[in-house]
Amino acid sequence: MAEPMTLTIITPDAIVYDGKADFFVGHAIDGEFGVLPNHAPMIIALDIAPLRVDNPDGQQHTFAVFGGFVEIEHNKVSIVTPNCESPETIDIDRAKRAKERAEGRLSNPTP
């Protein structure tokens, strides 16, 4: 099996993830893509969507990314995004309030 790639997820506020990966799946602006170790060099524009990382130890990590870019080069993947959250870091109350605000705006649109 190929040597795992190094994957880093970076936001303006923090390094959200920095570790090894055997595979990851993301959503580009033109559709879903997957990356295995030793992938060809590439830059990909990300859409707002989930990103899944499979570790060499069999664990899966899921993140919500809010756009950004993926750079792949020499078995190193850098994901730069304005915001990224894992299930453990999502504030459920804040998310519910944001949902209610959005629903209110949709039901009472301003011209």
N, C-alpha and C. Protein backbone atom coordinates (compact mmCIF):
# COMPACT_ATOMS: atom_id res chain seq x y z
N MET A 1 0.84 -1.19 0.00
CA MET A 1 0.00 0.00 0.00
C MET A 1 0.89 1.25 0.00
N ALA A 2 0.42 2.29 -0.64
CA ALA A 2 1.18 3.54 -0.75
C ALA A 2 1.32 4.22 0.60
N GLU A 3 2.38 4.97 0.73
CA GLU A 3 2.61 5.78 1.93
C GLU A 3 1.47 6.79 2.05
N PRO A 4 0.88 6.96 3.26
CA PRO A 4 -0.22 7.93 3.42
C PRO A 4 0.25 9.35 3.09
N MET A 5 -0.69 10.15 2.65
CA MET A 5 -0.39 11.56 2.39
C MET A 5 -0.54 12.36 3.69
N THR A 6 0.09 13.50 3.73
CA THR A 6 -0.07 14.43 4.84
C THR A 6 -1.15 15.42 4.44
N LEU A 7 -2.14 15.61 5.32
CA LEU A 7 -3.27 16.48 5.01
C LEU A 7 -3.43 17.52 6.12
N THR A 8 -3.52 18.78 5.71
CA THR A 8 -3.69 19.88 6.65
C THR A 8 -4.88 20.72 6.21
N ILE A 9 -5.77 21.03 7.17
CA ILE A 9 -6.90 21.93 6.92
C ILE A 9 -6.63 23.21 7.70
N ILE A 10 -6.56 24.32 6.98
CA ILE A 10 -6.17 25.61 7.56
C ILE A 10 -7.29 26.62 7.37
N THR A 11 -7.65 27.33 8.45
CA THR A 11 -8.58 28.46 8.38
C THR A 11 -7.81 29.70 8.83
N PRO A 12 -8.39 30.89 8.69
CA PRO A 12 -7.71 32.08 9.20
C PRO A 12 -7.46 32.03 10.71
N ASP A 13 -8.28 31.24 11.43
CA ASP A 13 -8.18 31.21 12.89
C ASP A 13 -7.33 30.07 13.44
N ALA A 14 -7.20 28.97 12.70
CA ALA A 14 -6.54 27.80 13.29
C ALA A 14 -6.18 26.77 12.23
N ILE A 15 -5.33 25.84 12.63
CA ILE A 15 -5.12 24.62 11.87
C ILE A 15 -6.12 23.63 12.44
N VAL A 16 -7.12 23.28 11.66
CA VAL A 16 -8.23 22.45 12.13
C VAL A 16 -7.85 20.98 12.14
N TYR A 17 -7.02 20.57 11.19
CA TYR A 17 -6.60 19.17 11.10
C TYR A 17 -5.20 19.13 10.52
N ASP A 18 -4.36 18.29 11.09
CA ASP A 18 -3.00 18.10 10.58
C ASP A 18 -2.61 16.66 10.86
N GLY A 19 -2.65 15.82 9.84
CA GLY A 19 -2.35 14.41 10.07
C GLY A 19 -2.20 13.65 8.77
N LYS A 20 -2.13 12.34 8.89
CA LYS A 20 -1.99 11.45 7.74
C LYS A 20 -3.37 11.04 7.22
N ALA A 21 -3.43 10.73 5.94
CA ALA A 21 -4.69 10.30 5.33
C ALA A 21 -4.40 9.29 4.23
N ASP A 22 -5.24 8.26 4.16
CA ASP A 22 -5.18 7.29 3.08
C ASP A 22 -6.08 7.69 1.93
N PHE A 23 -7.06 8.56 2.22
CA PHE A 23 -8.05 8.94 1.22
C PHE A 23 -8.83 10.12 1.76
N PHE A 24 -9.26 11.01 0.87
CA PHE A 24 -10.25 12.00 1.28
C PHE A 24 -11.17 12.32 0.12
N VAL A 25 -12.38 12.72 0.49
CA VAL A 25 -13.42 13.04 -0.48
C VAL A 25 -13.90 14.45 -0.20
N GLY A 26 -13.98 15.26 -1.24
CA GLY A 26 -14.48 16.62 -1.10
C GLY A 26 -15.41 16.96 -2.25
N HIS A 27 -15.92 18.17 -2.23
CA HIS A 27 -16.83 18.64 -3.28
C HIS A 27 -16.23 19.89 -3.91
N ALA A 28 -15.84 19.76 -5.15
CA ALA A 28 -15.35 20.91 -5.91
C ALA A 28 -16.55 21.68 -6.44
N ILE A 29 -16.30 22.84 -7.01
CA ILE A 29 -17.40 23.63 -7.55
C ILE A 29 -18.06 22.94 -8.73
N ASP A 30 -17.38 21.94 -9.32
CA ASP A 30 -17.97 21.21 -10.45
C ASP A 30 -18.24 19.74 -10.14
N GLY A 31 -18.28 19.38 -8.86
CA GLY A 31 -18.65 18.01 -8.50
C GLY A 31 -17.73 17.39 -7.46
N GLU A 32 -18.09 16.18 -7.05
CA GLU A 32 -17.35 15.46 -6.01
C GLU A 32 -16.04 14.91 -6.57
N PHE A 33 -15.03 14.83 -5.71
CA PHE A 33 -13.74 14.27 -6.11
C PHE A 33 -13.16 13.48 -4.94
N GLY A 34 -12.28 12.55 -5.25
CA GLY A 34 -11.57 11.79 -4.23
C GLY A 34 -10.08 11.81 -4.52
N VAL A 35 -9.28 11.74 -3.46
CA VAL A 35 -7.83 11.81 -3.62
C VAL A 35 -7.19 10.68 -2.83
N LEU A 36 -6.32 9.94 -3.49
CA LEU A 36 -5.51 8.88 -2.89
C LEU A 36 -4.06 9.35 -2.81
N PRO A 37 -3.22 8.67 -2.01
CA PRO A 37 -1.80 9.04 -1.97
C PRO A 37 -1.17 9.02 -3.37
N ASN A 38 -0.16 9.83 -3.55
CA ASN A 38 0.60 9.97 -4.80
C ASN A 38 -0.24 10.52 -5.95
N HIS A 39 -1.24 11.31 -5.62
CA HIS A 39 -2.08 11.96 -6.63
C HIS A 39 -1.24 12.98 -7.40
N ALA A 40 -1.59 13.21 -8.63
CA ALA A 40 -0.91 14.22 -9.45
C ALA A 40 -1.10 15.61 -8.83
N PRO A 41 -0.13 16.50 -9.01
CA PRO A 41 -0.28 17.87 -8.49
C PRO A 41 -1.53 18.53 -9.07
N MET A 42 -2.22 19.27 -8.21
CA MET A 42 -3.49 19.86 -8.64
C MET A 42 -3.92 20.93 -7.65
N ILE A 43 -4.68 21.90 -8.14
CA ILE A 43 -5.36 22.88 -7.29
C ILE A 43 -6.84 22.78 -7.61
N ILE A 44 -7.67 22.68 -6.57
CA ILE A 44 -9.11 22.47 -6.73
C ILE A 44 -9.86 23.54 -5.94
N ALA A 45 -10.86 24.17 -6.56
CA ALA A 45 -11.73 25.13 -5.86
C ALA A 45 -12.84 24.34 -5.17
N LEU A 46 -12.97 24.54 -3.86
CA LEU A 46 -13.97 23.82 -3.06
C LEU A 46 -15.31 24.52 -3.05
N ASP A 47 -16.35 23.72 -2.97
CA ASP A 47 -17.71 24.21 -2.77
C ASP A 47 -18.01 24.15 -1.27
N ILE A 48 -19.12 24.68 -0.85
CA ILE A 48 -19.57 24.57 0.54
C ILE A 48 -20.20 23.19 0.68
N ALA A 49 -19.54 22.30 1.42
CA ALA A 49 -19.99 20.91 1.49
C ALA A 49 -19.16 20.14 2.51
N PRO A 50 -19.57 18.91 2.80
CA PRO A 50 -18.77 18.07 3.70
C PRO A 50 -17.47 17.62 3.04
N LEU A 51 -16.49 17.34 3.89
CA LEU A 51 -15.20 16.80 3.47
C LEU A 51 -14.92 15.62 4.39
N ARG A 52 -14.59 14.46 3.83
CA ARG A 52 -14.32 13.28 4.65
C ARG A 52 -12.87 12.86 4.49
N VAL A 53 -12.21 12.60 5.63
CA VAL A 53 -10.82 12.17 5.65
C VAL A 53 -10.76 10.78 6.27
N ASP A 54 -10.13 9.83 5.56
CA ASP A 54 -9.91 8.48 6.08
C ASP A 54 -8.46 8.36 6.52
N ASN A 55 -8.25 8.07 7.81
CA ASN A 55 -6.91 7.93 8.37
C ASN A 55 -6.35 6.54 8.11
N PRO A 56 -5.02 6.37 8.18
CA PRO A 56 -4.43 5.04 8.03
C PRO A 56 -4.88 4.05 9.11
N ASP A 57 -5.29 4.54 10.27
CA ASP A 57 -5.73 3.65 11.36
C ASP A 57 -7.20 3.26 11.22
N GLY A 58 -7.85 3.64 10.13
CA GLY A 58 -9.23 3.25 9.88
C GLY A 58 -10.28 4.23 10.35
N GLN A 59 -9.88 5.30 11.03
CA GLN A 59 -10.84 6.31 11.49
C GLN A 59 -11.25 7.22 10.33
N GLN A 60 -12.49 7.69 10.40
CA GLN A 60 -12.98 8.69 9.45
C GLN A 60 -13.29 9.97 10.21
N HIS A 61 -12.91 11.09 9.61
CA HIS A 61 -13.22 12.40 10.17
C HIS A 61 -14.03 13.16 9.12
N THR A 62 -15.09 13.81 9.56
CA THR A 62 -15.93 14.59 8.65
C THR A 62 -15.89 16.05 9.08
N PHE A 63 -15.77 16.92 8.11
CA PHE A 63 -15.72 18.36 8.35
C PHE A 63 -16.70 19.05 7.42
N ALA A 64 -17.25 20.16 7.87
CA ALA A 64 -18.03 21.05 7.00
C ALA A 64 -17.08 22.16 6.57
N VAL A 65 -16.81 22.26 5.28
CA VAL A 65 -15.95 23.33 4.78
C VAL A 65 -16.80 24.33 4.00
N PHE A 66 -16.41 25.58 4.10
CA PHE A 66 -17.19 26.66 3.52
C PHE A 66 -16.41 27.29 2.36
N GLY A 67 -16.20 26.48 1.32
CA GLY A 67 -15.43 26.94 0.17
C GLY A 67 -13.94 26.87 0.45
N GLY A 68 -13.16 27.44 -0.45
CA GLY A 68 -11.72 27.45 -0.29
C GLY A 68 -11.02 26.72 -1.42
N PHE A 69 -9.79 26.30 -1.15
CA PHE A 69 -8.97 25.64 -2.17
C PHE A 69 -8.21 24.46 -1.59
N VAL A 70 -7.99 23.46 -2.44
CA VAL A 70 -7.16 22.31 -2.11
C VAL A 70 -5.93 22.38 -3.00
N GLU A 71 -4.74 22.24 -2.40
CA GLU A 71 -3.52 22.13 -3.18
C GLU A 71 -2.91 20.76 -2.91
N ILE A 72 -2.62 20.02 -3.97
CA ILE A 72 -2.03 18.69 -3.86
C ILE A 72 -0.67 18.75 -4.54
N GLU A 73 0.38 18.35 -3.80
CA GLU A 73 1.72 18.33 -4.38
C GLU A 73 2.63 17.46 -3.52
N HIS A 74 3.32 16.52 -4.15
CA HIS A 74 4.31 15.66 -3.49
C HIS A 74 3.74 14.95 -2.26
N ASN A 75 2.56 14.36 -2.40
CA ASN A 75 1.90 13.59 -1.34
C ASN A 75 1.54 14.46 -0.12
N LYS A 76 1.44 15.75 -0.34
CA LYS A 76 1.02 16.69 0.70
C LYS A 76 -0.21 17.43 0.20
N VAL A 77 -1.25 17.46 1.04
CA VAL A 77 -2.50 18.13 0.69
C VAL A 77 -2.73 19.27 1.68
N SER A 78 -2.90 20.47 1.16
CA SER A 78 -3.23 21.63 1.99
C SER A 78 -4.62 22.11 1.57
N ILE A 79 -5.50 22.22 2.56
CA ILE A 79 -6.85 22.72 2.32
C ILE A 79 -6.97 24.04 3.05
N VAL A 80 -7.20 25.11 2.30
CA VAL A 80 -7.33 26.45 2.87
C VAL A 80 -8.78 26.87 2.68
N THR A 81 -9.45 27.17 3.78
CA THR A 81 -10.87 27.49 3.74
C THR A 81 -11.17 28.62 4.73
N PRO A 82 -12.15 29.48 4.43
CA PRO A 82 -12.48 30.55 5.36
C PRO A 82 -13.08 30.04 6.67
N ASN A 83 -13.70 28.85 6.62
CA ASN A 83 -14.30 28.29 7.84
C ASN A 83 -14.43 26.79 7.68
N CYS A 84 -14.22 26.08 8.77
CA CYS A 84 -14.30 24.62 8.77
C CYS A 84 -14.73 24.18 10.16
N GLU A 85 -15.72 23.30 10.20
CA GLU A 85 -16.19 22.81 11.50
C GLU A 85 -16.30 21.30 11.46
N SER A 86 -15.95 20.69 12.59
CA SER A 86 -16.17 19.25 12.76
C SER A 86 -17.42 19.08 13.62
N PRO A 87 -18.02 17.90 13.63
CA PRO A 87 -19.22 17.71 14.45
C PRO A 87 -19.01 18.08 15.92
N GLU A 88 -17.79 17.87 16.41
CA GLU A 88 -17.51 18.17 17.82
C GLU A 88 -17.47 19.67 18.12
N THR A 89 -17.22 20.49 17.12
CA THR A 89 -17.08 21.93 17.37
C THR A 89 -18.32 22.75 17.02
N ILE A 90 -19.34 22.11 16.44
CA ILE A 90 -20.54 22.86 16.07
C ILE A 90 -21.35 23.19 17.31
N ASP A 91 -21.66 24.46 17.48
CA ASP A 91 -22.51 24.92 18.58
C ASP A 91 -23.97 24.75 18.13
N ILE A 92 -24.63 23.74 18.65
CA ILE A 92 -25.99 23.39 18.21
C ILE A 92 -26.97 24.54 18.43
N ASP A 93 -26.90 25.21 19.58
CA ASP A 93 -27.82 26.32 19.84
C ASP A 93 -27.61 27.46 18.85
N ARG A 94 -26.35 27.78 18.56
CA ARG A 94 -26.05 28.84 17.59
C ARG A 94 -26.57 28.44 16.21
N ALA A 95 -26.38 27.18 15.84
CA ALA A 95 -26.86 26.71 14.53
C ALA A 95 -28.38 26.78 14.44
N LYS A 96 -29.08 26.43 15.52
CA LYS A 96 -30.55 26.52 15.51
C LYS A 96 -31.01 27.96 15.38
N ARG A 97 -30.34 28.88 16.08
CA ARG A 97 -30.71 30.29 15.98
C ARG A 97 -30.47 30.81 14.56
N ALA A 98 -29.36 30.41 13.95
CA ALA A 98 -29.07 30.84 12.58
C ALA A 98 -30.11 30.28 11.62
N LYS A 99 -30.53 29.05 11.83
CA LYS A 99 -31.57 28.44 10.99
C LYS A 99 -32.88 29.21 11.12
N GLU A 100 -33.26 29.57 12.36
CA GLU A 100 -34.49 30.32 12.58
C GLU A 100 -34.43 31.69 11.90
N ARG A 101 -33.27 32.36 11.98
CA ARG A 101 -33.11 33.66 11.32
C ARG A 101 -33.26 33.51 9.81
N ALA A 102 -32.64 32.47 9.25
CA ALA A 102 -32.71 32.25 7.80
C ALA A 102 -34.14 31.95 7.37
N GLU A 103 -34.84 31.12 8.14
CA GLU A 103 -36.23 30.80 7.81
C GLU A 103 -37.10 32.05 7.89
N GLY A 104 -36.84 32.92 8.88
CA GLY A 104 -37.58 34.17 8.99
C GLY A 104 -37.36 35.07 7.80
N ARG A 105 -36.13 35.14 7.33
CA ARG A 105 -35.83 35.97 6.15
C ARG A 105 -36.50 35.41 4.90
N LEU A 106 -36.55 34.09 4.80
CA LEU A 106 -37.19 33.48 3.64
C LEU A 106 -38.70 33.69 3.64
N SER A 107 -39.31 33.69 4.83
CA SER A 107 -40.76 33.85 4.90
C SER A 107 -41.19 35.32 4.80
N ASN A 108 -40.27 36.24 5.04
CA ASN A 108 -40.57 37.68 4.94
C ASN A 108 -39.52 38.37 4.08
N PRO A 109 -39.46 38.06 2.79
CA PRO A 109 -38.42 38.67 1.95
C PRO A 109 -38.66 40.16 1.76
N THR A 110 -37.58 40.88 1.69
CA THR A 110 -37.67 42.32 1.41
C THR A 110 -37.42 42.52 -0.07
N PRO A 111 -38.17 43.44 -0.69
CA PRO A 111 -38.00 43.66 -2.14
C PRO A 111 -36.68 44.28 -2.49
